[in-house]
Amino acid sequence: MSSTVTRTRLAIVAAAAGIAVLPGCSSPAPAGKASAASCEPAKGKVTLQYWNTVPGMDKVVDLWNKKNPNIQVETKNISNDQYGAIGNALKAGKAPDLAQVGYDQLPNLRTQDAFVDASACSAATAAKTEFVPWTWSQTSFSDTGVFALPQDTGPMALFVRSDIFKKHDVAIPKTWDEYAAAAKELHKADSDLTITYFDPNNAEWFNGLLWQNNAEMYSYSDDKWHVTVESDQSKQVAEYWQKLISDKLVRTDLTHGSTQMYAAYQKEQIASYIGAAWGYSMFRDNLPQQAGKWTVVPMPTWGANGASGNWGGSTVAFMKGSKHLYESVKFNTWLNTDPEALALENELGGLYPAANAGLQLPALSKGVPYYNNQKIFDVFAASSRKVDTSFTWGPTQKTVNLALQDAMAKAAAGDGTLTDALSAAQAAALKSMKDQAIPAAAGK
């Protein structure tokens, strides 16, 4: 999934929306290294393959194709099974030239030798100044190469059906304690109504909740990873949501982005949505009849510091096996830095850009009609400034997320708890690193 945001006001987002990558994120792992010869322009027409999950990206690619007859791009939407499709293609030696990869999956795929280092191309290394610094650090593994270009980020906020809250005389919550109290009030007023839903199959979303509470999952020092997935901060988040689930104040039968999820919102059975900046287009595009009824407010907070979380955000990675690195760099740079491309990506796909030029998009300084002309990107800009910049992803995050999801699904069905799910994810992290001979230990 992805996201997008004018001016000095939003430039603050650039410095603040971060996940700083520790030196450990550049931990020893195999990675393709492009040779100078591989960055030579092709002789004649080239067709690139670009896989992504962004709605409307085909129209952005059409714009490129009209302007670049000798470098054509074919796009494929892999939103149904993003990493399954990428993984299968890598195994078969048929990976695309470029693929959308989330920041959290970059270290994992790097251990699989999935990328080619594009630093042989001067245009790739020169692109560093075009992006918000923390995002570049993620894609370059702390300047050890250029394996991808940043595309978007996902600062989180609370989407609220303000009319439903007003109807039942319930105040819009500012803290998680207030959110739980509001959940009780809304459900008491209407037994068919819940404040939100908990998707047990969405570890990335849950990671964003952990991130907000300064629940550092990994750190790197003394030449090894330190795994703290089941920290006290993580347990606080898990116990909070476990109580909401146990008290039947949130639904657990809905999958994010599914027809059933939209149907529940359509029937006014759910009063809020905890999401990221890129999610603003979801309701606009799928529930047009609810225009003017939604408001975006800051994410409920745990403490006085008002920290926020980040969910998602992606890169466009240079995939191993591409025979057209020069052309891939040229397209990738345009895709993620050109103002016209960025504007289209924001309009059609809801992307909140990682490029400095994207932070200057006029659309992001205006009110959004669907949200009753509220300047919702002001909320996301403020959220970005409150994201913990020290948060780090581990090198086997996909395996950890799968273990977390499996255990969360069991907890949602009454078999165990979300705290148990954290323990399962911790164990999976340590085992997966051991299996790959990556030095790791539990605790700080």
Protein backbone atom coordinates (compact mmCIF):
# COMPACT_ATOMS: atom_id res chain seq x y z
CA MET A 1 0.00 0.00 0.00
CA SER A 2 1.12 3.51 -0.36
CA SER A 3 0.62 7.23 0.33
CA THR A 4 1.18 11.02 -0.82
CA VAL A 5 1.36 14.83 0.30
CA THR A 6 2.94 21.80 -0.47
CA ARG A 7 5.42 24.02 0.76
CA THR A 8 7.52 24.85 3.79
CA ARG A 9 4.72 23.62 6.04
CA LEU A 10 4.85 20.14 4.57
CA ALA A 11 8.58 20.14 4.19
CA ILE A 12 8.62 19.48 7.90
CA VAL A 13 7.16 16.10 7.06
CA ALA A 14 10.35 15.29 5.23
CA ALA A 15 12.50 15.55 8.29
CA ALA A 16 9.99 14.12 10.68
CA ALA A 17 8.15 11.23 9.10
CA GLY A 18 10.89 8.81 9.72
CA ILE A 19 12.07 5.37 10.36
CA ALA A 20 15.78 5.80 10.80
CA VAL A 21 17.64 2.76 9.66
CA LEU A 22 20.28 1.67 12.10
CA PRO A 23 23.57 0.38 10.78
CA GLY A 24 22.12 -3.03 11.51
CA CYS A 25 19.70 -2.63 8.67
CA SER A 26 22.73 -2.96 6.49
CA SER A 27 23.62 -6.20 8.23
CA PRO A 28 25.59 -8.72 6.20
CA ALA A 29 23.29 -10.05 3.53
CA PRO A 30 23.78 -11.01 -0.09
CA ALA A 31 22.81 -8.39 -2.61
CA GLY A 32 23.26 -8.08 -6.34
CA LYS A 33 25.89 -5.60 -7.47
CA ALA A 34 25.47 -3.94 -10.84
CA SER A 35 28.54 -3.56 -12.97
CA ALA A 36 29.28 -0.37 -14.88
CA ALA A 37 28.51 -2.12 -18.16
CA SER A 38 25.01 -2.99 -16.96
CA CYS A 39 24.08 0.69 -16.92
CA GLU A 40 24.73 1.26 -20.60
CA PRO A 41 21.67 2.42 -22.57
CA ALA A 42 20.11 -0.26 -24.74
CA LYS A 43 20.36 -0.10 -28.49
CA GLY A 44 16.82 0.24 -29.76
CA LYS A 45 13.41 0.04 -28.12
CA VAL A 46 13.05 -1.44 -24.62
CA THR A 47 10.02 -2.78 -22.76
CA LEU A 48 10.19 -2.86 -18.96
CA GLN A 49 8.03 -4.90 -16.60
CA TYR A 50 6.79 -3.06 -13.49
CA TRP A 51 4.70 -4.83 -10.84
CA ASN A 52 2.77 -2.86 -8.22
CA THR A 53 -0.37 -2.71 -6.07
CA VAL A 54 -1.38 0.93 -6.60
CA PRO A 55 -4.83 1.76 -8.02
CA GLY A 56 -4.59 3.85 -11.19
CA MET A 57 -0.89 3.15 -11.73
CA ASP A 58 -1.68 1.95 -15.24
CA LYS A 59 -2.75 5.50 -16.12
CA VAL A 60 0.49 6.91 -14.71
CA VAL A 61 2.43 4.43 -16.83
CA ASP A 62 0.34 5.42 -19.87
CA LEU A 63 1.55 8.99 -19.37
CA TRP A 64 5.16 7.80 -19.42
CA ASN A 65 4.62 5.59 -22.47
CA LYS A 66 3.18 8.47 -24.48
CA LYS A 67 6.27 10.55 -23.78
CA ASN A 68 8.87 7.80 -24.14
CA PRO A 69 8.26 5.67 -27.23
CA ASN A 70 11.66 3.93 -26.95
CA ILE A 71 11.23 2.93 -23.29
CA GLN A 72 7.83 1.35 -22.91
CA VAL A 73 6.57 0.03 -19.58
CA GLU A 74 4.10 -2.77 -19.00
CA THR A 75 2.47 -2.72 -15.58
CA LYS A 76 0.92 -5.59 -13.64
CA ASN A 77 -1.18 -5.19 -10.51
CA ILE A 78 -0.20 -7.84 -7.93
CA SER A 79 -2.29 -6.57 -5.01
CA ASN A 80 -3.93 -9.97 -4.51
CA ASP A 81 -0.63 -11.65 -3.60
CA GLN A 82 2.16 -9.07 -3.73
CA TYR A 83 5.03 -10.94 -2.10
CA GLY A 84 3.88 -14.35 -3.22
CA ALA A 85 4.02 -13.16 -6.82
CA ILE A 86 7.43 -11.55 -6.33
CA GLY A 87 8.81 -14.57 -4.51
CA ASN A 88 7.61 -17.04 -7.14
CA ALA A 89 9.03 -14.90 -9.94
CA LEU A 90 12.41 -14.73 -8.21
CA LYS A 91 12.51 -18.51 -7.78
CA ALA A 92 11.66 -19.00 -11.44
CA GLY A 93 14.25 -16.44 -12.56
CA LYS A 94 11.48 -14.35 -14.10
CA ALA A 95 11.33 -11.32 -11.85
CA PRO A 96 10.16 -8.03 -13.37
CA ASP A 97 12.59 -5.15 -13.92
CA LEU A 98 10.90 -3.19 -11.15
CA ALA A 99 8.56 -4.10 -8.31
CA GLN A 100 6.79 -2.31 -5.51
CA VAL A 101 8.26 -3.43 -2.17
CA GLY A 102 7.28 -2.15 1.28
CA TYR A 103 10.00 -0.71 3.50
CA ASP A 104 9.43 -3.52 5.98
CA GLN A 105 10.12 -6.16 3.32
CA LEU A 106 13.33 -4.69 1.91
CA PRO A 107 15.69 -6.33 4.44
CA ASN A 108 13.91 -9.65 4.04
CA LEU A 109 14.12 -9.68 0.25
CA ARG A 110 17.71 -8.50 0.35
CA THR A 111 18.67 -11.66 2.23
CA GLN A 112 17.17 -13.53 -0.75
CA ASP A 113 19.44 -11.71 -3.20
CA ALA A 114 16.36 -10.18 -4.81
CA PHE A 115 17.78 -6.82 -5.85
CA VAL A 116 20.38 -5.38 -8.15
CA ASP A 117 22.45 -2.44 -6.94
CA ALA A 118 21.78 0.46 -9.29
CA SER A 119 24.58 2.67 -7.96
CA ALA A 120 26.53 2.09 -11.18
CA CYS A 121 24.01 4.48 -12.72
CA SER A 122 24.85 8.08 -11.88
CA ALA A 123 21.17 9.05 -12.13
CA ALA A 124 20.37 6.57 -9.35
CA THR A 125 22.95 7.91 -6.91
CA ALA A 126 22.10 11.52 -7.82
CA ALA A 127 18.46 10.84 -6.85
CA LYS A 128 19.40 10.79 -3.16
CA THR A 129 18.74 14.50 -2.73
CA GLU A 130 15.28 14.12 -4.26
CA PHE A 131 13.84 12.17 -1.33
CA VAL A 132 13.00 12.53 2.33
CA PRO A 133 16.25 11.41 4.01
CA TRP A 134 14.89 8.57 6.14
CA THR A 135 13.27 6.92 3.13
CA TRP A 136 16.52 7.01 1.16
CA SER A 137 18.35 5.40 4.05
CA GLN A 138 15.89 2.52 3.90
CA THR A 139 16.36 1.89 0.20
CA SER A 140 20.13 2.28 0.19
CA PHE A 141 20.71 0.25 3.39
CA SER A 142 22.55 3.18 4.92
CA ASP A 143 24.37 4.11 1.72
CA THR A 144 25.69 0.66 0.85
CA GLY A 145 24.09 0.86 -2.61
CA VAL A 146 20.88 1.88 -4.40
CA PHE A 147 18.49 -1.06 -4.36
CA ALA A 148 15.21 0.83 -4.73
CA LEU A 149 13.78 4.33 -4.91
CA PRO A 150 11.33 5.50 -2.23
CA GLN A 151 7.75 5.97 -3.34
CA ASP A 152 5.48 6.83 -0.42
CA THR A 153 4.99 6.80 3.35
CA GLY A 154 2.05 6.02 5.64
CA PRO A 155 1.63 8.33 8.67
CA MET A 156 -1.48 7.21 10.56
CA ALA A 157 -4.61 9.00 11.74
CA LEU A 158 -8.19 8.26 12.78
CA PHE A 159 -10.91 8.43 10.12
CA VAL A 160 -14.23 9.19 11.85
CA ARG A 161 -17.87 9.07 10.79
CA SER A 162 -18.48 12.27 12.70
CA ASP A 163 -22.24 12.13 12.03
CA ILE A 164 -22.52 8.77 13.81
CA PHE A 165 -20.60 10.04 16.83
CA LYS A 166 -22.82 13.16 16.89
CA LYS A 167 -26.00 11.10 16.54
CA HIS A 168 -25.16 9.11 19.67
CA ASP A 169 -23.68 12.11 21.52
CA VAL A 170 -20.26 10.49 21.79
CA ALA A 171 -17.15 12.69 21.82
CA ILE A 172 -14.47 11.97 19.24
CA PRO A 173 -11.69 10.31 21.26
CA LYS A 174 -8.23 11.79 21.66
CA THR A 175 -6.65 9.00 23.71
CA TRP A 176 -6.87 5.21 23.57
CA ASP A 177 -8.70 5.20 26.92
CA GLU A 178 -11.28 7.56 25.43
CA TYR A 179 -11.45 5.36 22.33
CA ALA A 180 -12.31 2.30 24.44
CA ALA A 181 -14.95 4.29 26.34
CA ALA A 182 -16.44 5.53 23.07
CA ALA A 183 -16.53 1.94 21.80
CA LYS A 184 -18.71 0.97 24.78
CA GLU A 185 -21.01 3.97 24.35
CA LEU A 186 -21.56 3.42 20.64
CA HIS A 187 -22.22 -0.31 21.00
CA LYS A 188 -24.60 0.32 23.89
CA ALA A 189 -26.51 2.85 21.81
CA ASP A 190 -26.74 0.48 18.82
CA SER A 191 -25.97 -3.21 19.22
CA ASP A 192 -25.21 -3.48 15.48
CA LEU A 193 -22.59 -0.74 15.71
CA THR A 194 -18.91 -1.14 16.59
CA ILE A 195 -16.30 1.58 16.71
CA THR A 196 -13.97 -0.23 14.31
CA TYR A 197 -12.77 -3.69 13.29
CA PHE A 198 -9.62 -5.66 14.04
CA ASP A 199 -8.22 -7.54 11.05
CA PRO A 200 -6.13 -10.40 12.51
CA ASN A 201 -4.62 -11.06 9.09
CA ASN A 202 -3.03 -7.62 8.84
CA ALA A 203 0.28 -7.68 10.69
CA GLU A 204 1.47 -4.53 8.91
CA TRP A 205 -1.41 -2.54 10.44
CA PHE A 206 -0.75 -4.01 13.86
CA ASN A 207 2.95 -3.14 13.50
CA GLY A 208 1.87 0.48 12.98
CA LEU A 209 0.02 0.35 16.30
CA LEU A 210 3.12 -1.07 18.01
CA TRP A 211 5.29 1.58 16.37
CA GLN A 212 3.13 4.34 17.83
CA ASN A 213 3.72 3.03 21.37
CA ASN A 214 7.51 3.07 20.96
CA ALA A 215 7.42 -0.72 20.86
CA GLU A 216 10.82 -1.23 19.27
CA MET A 217 10.76 -4.68 17.70
CA TYR A 218 14.46 -4.88 16.77
CA SER A 219 17.75 -3.16 17.37
CA TYR A 220 21.28 -3.91 16.19
CA SER A 221 24.46 -3.64 18.20
CA ASP A 222 27.56 -5.68 18.98
CA ASP A 223 27.30 -7.34 15.57
CA LYS A 224 23.95 -8.96 16.19
CA TRP A 225 20.22 -8.33 16.16
CA HIS A 226 18.33 -7.88 19.41
CA VAL A 227 14.71 -9.02 19.13
CA THR A 228 12.12 -7.37 21.38
CA VAL A 229 8.85 -8.12 19.58
CA GLU A 230 7.20 -9.01 22.93
CA SER A 231 8.33 -5.90 24.80
CA ASP A 232 6.23 -4.33 27.54
CA GLN A 233 5.14 -1.61 25.10
CA SER A 234 4.00 -4.26 22.62
CA LYS A 235 2.11 -6.12 25.33
CA GLN A 236 0.30 -2.93 26.32
CA VAL A 237 -1.04 -2.61 22.77
CA ALA A 238 -1.93 -6.30 22.55
CA GLU A 239 -3.74 -6.32 25.89
CA TYR A 240 -5.71 -3.21 24.91
CA TRP A 241 -7.01 -4.74 21.70
CA GLN A 242 -7.56 -8.13 23.34
CA LYS A 243 -9.98 -6.52 25.79
CA LEU A 244 -11.90 -4.81 22.97
CA ILE A 245 -12.11 -8.16 21.17
CA SER A 246 -13.13 -10.09 24.29
CA ASP A 247 -15.81 -7.51 25.09
CA LYS A 248 -17.05 -7.76 21.49
CA LEU A 249 -16.57 -4.03 20.97
CA VAL A 250 -14.72 -4.51 17.68
CA ARG A 251 -15.41 -6.90 14.83
CA THR A 252 -12.84 -9.51 13.85
CA ASP A 253 -14.59 -10.97 10.79
CA LEU A 254 -13.55 -8.33 8.26
CA THR A 255 -10.49 -8.22 6.03
CA HIS A 256 -9.00 -4.84 5.24
CA GLY A 257 -10.08 -3.57 1.82
CA SER A 258 -12.56 -6.39 1.28
CA THR A 259 -16.06 -6.13 -0.14
CA GLN A 260 -17.37 -7.19 3.27
CA MET A 261 -15.47 -4.39 4.98
CA TYR A 262 -16.93 -1.76 2.69
CA ALA A 263 -20.39 -3.30 3.10
CA ALA A 264 -20.12 -2.91 6.88
CA TYR A 265 -19.23 0.75 6.50
CA GLN A 266 -21.99 1.14 3.91
CA LYS A 267 -24.55 -0.23 6.40
CA GLU A 268 -23.18 2.16 9.05
CA GLN A 269 -22.15 -0.73 11.29
CA ILE A 270 -18.68 0.73 11.91
CA ALA A 271 -17.98 4.27 13.11
CA SER A 272 -14.26 4.78 12.53
CA TYR A 273 -11.17 3.52 10.74
CA ILE A 274 -7.58 3.59 11.95
CA GLY A 275 -5.57 4.09 8.78
CA ALA A 276 -2.70 5.73 6.95
CA ALA A 277 -2.47 8.73 4.64
CA TRP A 278 -2.72 6.56 1.54
CA GLY A 279 -6.09 5.28 2.76
CA TYR A 280 -7.90 8.57 2.18
CA SER A 281 -8.91 7.50 -1.32
CA MET A 282 -10.39 4.16 -0.17
CA PHE A 283 -13.62 5.57 1.17
CA ARG A 284 -13.80 8.25 -1.51
CA ASP A 285 -13.64 5.66 -4.27
CA ASN A 286 -15.68 2.88 -2.65
CA LEU A 287 -18.29 4.76 -0.61
CA PRO A 288 -19.04 7.90 -2.63
CA GLN A 289 -22.47 8.29 -1.03
CA GLN A 290 -20.81 8.98 2.32
CA ALA A 291 -19.10 12.14 1.06
CA GLY A 292 -19.13 14.87 3.69
CA LYS A 293 -19.69 12.44 6.55
CA TRP A 294 -16.04 11.58 7.23
CA THR A 295 -13.51 13.57 9.25
CA VAL A 296 -9.81 12.85 9.78
CA VAL A 297 -8.40 13.51 13.24
CA PRO A 298 -5.12 12.60 14.99
CA MET A 299 -4.62 8.99 16.00
CA PRO A 300 -5.64 8.38 19.64
CA THR A 301 -2.56 8.59 21.83
CA TRP A 302 -1.09 6.59 24.71
CA GLY A 303 0.58 9.43 26.54
CA ALA A 304 1.29 13.12 26.72
CA ASN A 305 3.91 12.97 23.97
CA GLY A 306 1.20 12.37 21.36
CA ALA A 307 3.27 9.94 19.31
CA SER A 308 1.84 8.59 16.09
CA GLY A 309 2.46 5.51 13.96
CA ASN A 310 3.34 4.68 10.38
CA TRP A 311 1.59 1.97 8.39
CA GLY A 312 2.96 0.97 5.04
CA GLY A 313 4.70 3.04 2.50
CA SER A 314 6.59 1.50 -0.36
CA THR A 315 9.56 1.63 -2.65
CA VAL A 316 10.09 0.68 -6.29
CA ALA A 317 12.92 -1.82 -6.24
CA PHE A 318 15.45 -2.72 -8.92
CA MET A 319 14.95 -6.47 -9.26
CA LYS A 320 17.70 -8.96 -9.88
CA GLY A 321 17.86 -10.19 -13.45
CA SER A 322 16.82 -6.98 -15.16
CA LYS A 323 18.68 -6.53 -18.44
CA HIS A 324 17.80 -2.85 -18.70
CA LEU A 325 19.12 -1.11 -15.60
CA TYR A 326 19.73 2.22 -17.32
CA GLU A 327 16.15 2.39 -18.57
CA SER A 328 14.79 1.14 -15.24
CA VAL A 329 16.57 3.94 -13.39
CA LYS A 330 15.24 6.48 -15.85
CA PHE A 331 11.63 5.34 -15.46
CA ASN A 332 11.85 4.80 -11.71
CA THR A 333 13.28 8.27 -11.15
CA TRP A 334 10.53 9.85 -13.24
CA LEU A 335 7.83 7.80 -11.54
CA ASN A 336 8.83 8.90 -8.06
CA THR A 337 10.11 12.47 -8.54
CA ASP A 338 8.27 14.02 -11.50
CA PRO A 339 5.55 16.42 -10.24
CA GLU A 340 3.07 15.39 -12.95
CA ALA A 341 3.52 11.70 -12.13
CA LEU A 342 3.33 12.34 -8.39
CA ALA A 343 0.13 14.37 -8.77
CA LEU A 344 -1.52 11.54 -10.72
CA GLU A 345 -0.37 8.95 -8.17
CA ASN A 346 -1.87 11.02 -5.38
CA GLU A 347 -5.12 11.63 -7.23
CA LEU A 348 -5.67 8.07 -8.46
CA GLY A 349 -3.87 5.92 -5.93
CA GLY A 350 -3.84 8.06 -2.81
CA LEU A 351 -0.05 7.99 -2.56
CA TYR A 352 1.57 10.24 0.04
CA PRO A 353 4.95 10.82 -1.65
CA ALA A 354 8.41 10.26 -0.29
CA ALA A 355 9.90 12.70 -2.80
CA ASN A 356 10.57 16.28 -1.72
CA ALA A 357 8.80 17.44 -4.88
CA GLY A 358 5.75 15.45 -3.83
CA LEU A 359 5.53 17.36 -0.59
CA GLN A 360 4.95 20.45 -2.69
CA LEU A 361 1.90 19.13 -4.56
CA PRO A 362 -0.82 21.81 -4.64
CA ALA A 363 -3.48 19.16 -4.03
CA LEU A 364 -2.05 18.51 -0.58
CA SER A 365 -2.58 22.07 0.60
CA LYS A 366 -6.26 22.12 -0.37
CA GLY A 367 -9.40 20.86 1.25
CA VAL A 368 -10.57 17.47 0.03
CA PRO A 369 -14.19 17.58 -1.20
CA TYR A 370 -15.06 14.07 0.00
CA TYR A 371 -14.02 15.02 3.53
CA ASN A 372 -16.23 18.11 3.58
CA ASN A 373 -13.32 20.18 2.23
CA GLN A 374 -11.23 19.45 5.32
CA LYS A 375 -7.49 19.90 4.77
CA ILE A 376 -6.85 16.32 5.79
CA PHE A 377 -3.19 16.32 4.75
CA ASP A 378 -2.50 18.84 7.52
CA VAL A 379 -3.45 16.03 9.91
CA PHE A 380 -1.13 13.57 8.21
CA ALA A 381 1.68 16.12 8.15
CA ALA A 382 1.31 16.55 11.91
CA SER A 383 1.20 12.77 12.31
CA SER A 384 4.44 12.44 10.37
CA ARG A 385 6.20 14.78 12.77
CA LYS A 386 5.25 12.50 15.64
CA VAL A 387 6.46 9.18 14.24
CA ASP A 388 9.32 7.53 16.12
CA THR A 389 12.31 7.82 13.81
CA SER A 390 14.32 5.04 15.50
CA PHE A 391 11.95 2.23 14.56
CA THR A 392 13.76 -0.58 12.74
CA TRP A 393 12.63 -3.56 10.65
CA GLY A 394 14.23 -6.96 11.05
CA PRO A 395 15.77 -9.00 8.22
CA THR A 396 13.11 -11.73 8.36
CA GLN A 397 10.04 -9.51 8.73
CA LYS A 398 7.86 -11.48 6.33
CA THR A 399 8.27 -14.65 8.36
CA VAL A 400 7.58 -12.75 11.57
CA ASN A 401 4.46 -11.13 10.12
CA LEU A 402 3.10 -14.49 8.99
CA ALA A 403 3.64 -15.97 12.44
CA LEU A 404 2.01 -12.94 14.04
CA GLN A 405 -1.00 -13.16 11.73
CA ASP A 406 -1.47 -16.87 12.32
CA ALA A 407 -1.47 -16.39 16.08
CA MET A 408 -3.67 -13.27 15.93
CA ALA A 409 -6.24 -15.19 13.89
CA LYS A 410 -6.28 -17.90 16.56
CA ALA A 411 -6.68 -15.27 19.27
CA ALA A 412 -9.55 -13.64 17.41
CA ALA A 413 -11.23 -17.06 17.29
CA GLY A 414 -10.78 -17.52 21.04
CA ASP A 415 -7.68 -19.71 20.94
CA GLY A 416 -5.07 -17.80 22.91
CA THR A 417 -4.53 -14.06 23.18
CA LEU A 418 -2.84 -11.29 21.25
CA THR A 419 -0.07 -11.35 23.86
CA ASP A 420 0.49 -14.99 22.92
CA ALA A 421 0.71 -13.83 19.31
CA LEU A 422 3.59 -11.53 20.23
CA SER A 423 5.41 -14.46 21.82
CA ALA A 424 4.86 -16.52 18.69
CA ALA A 425 6.21 -13.71 16.54
CA GLN A 426 9.25 -13.30 18.83
CA ALA A 427 10.01 -17.00 18.56
CA ALA A 428 9.58 -16.91 14.80
CA ALA A 429 11.97 -13.97 14.52
CA LEU A 430 14.70 -15.72 16.48
CA LYS A 431 14.26 -19.05 14.68
CA SER A 432 14.17 -17.54 11.21
CA MET A 433 17.37 -15.59 11.87
CA LYS A 434 19.09 -18.66 13.32
CA ASP A 435 18.03 -20.69 10.26
CA GLN A 436 19.69 -18.10 8.05
CA ALA A 437 22.78 -17.81 10.24
CA ILE A 438 21.96 -14.21 11.15
CA PRO A 439 23.30 -13.45 14.66
CA ALA A 440 20.39 -12.64 16.95
CA ALA A 441 19.34 -12.78 20.59
CA ALA A 442 16.25 -12.00 22.64
CA GLY A 443 16.15 -8.73 24.53
CA LYS A 444 18.18 -5.55 24.28
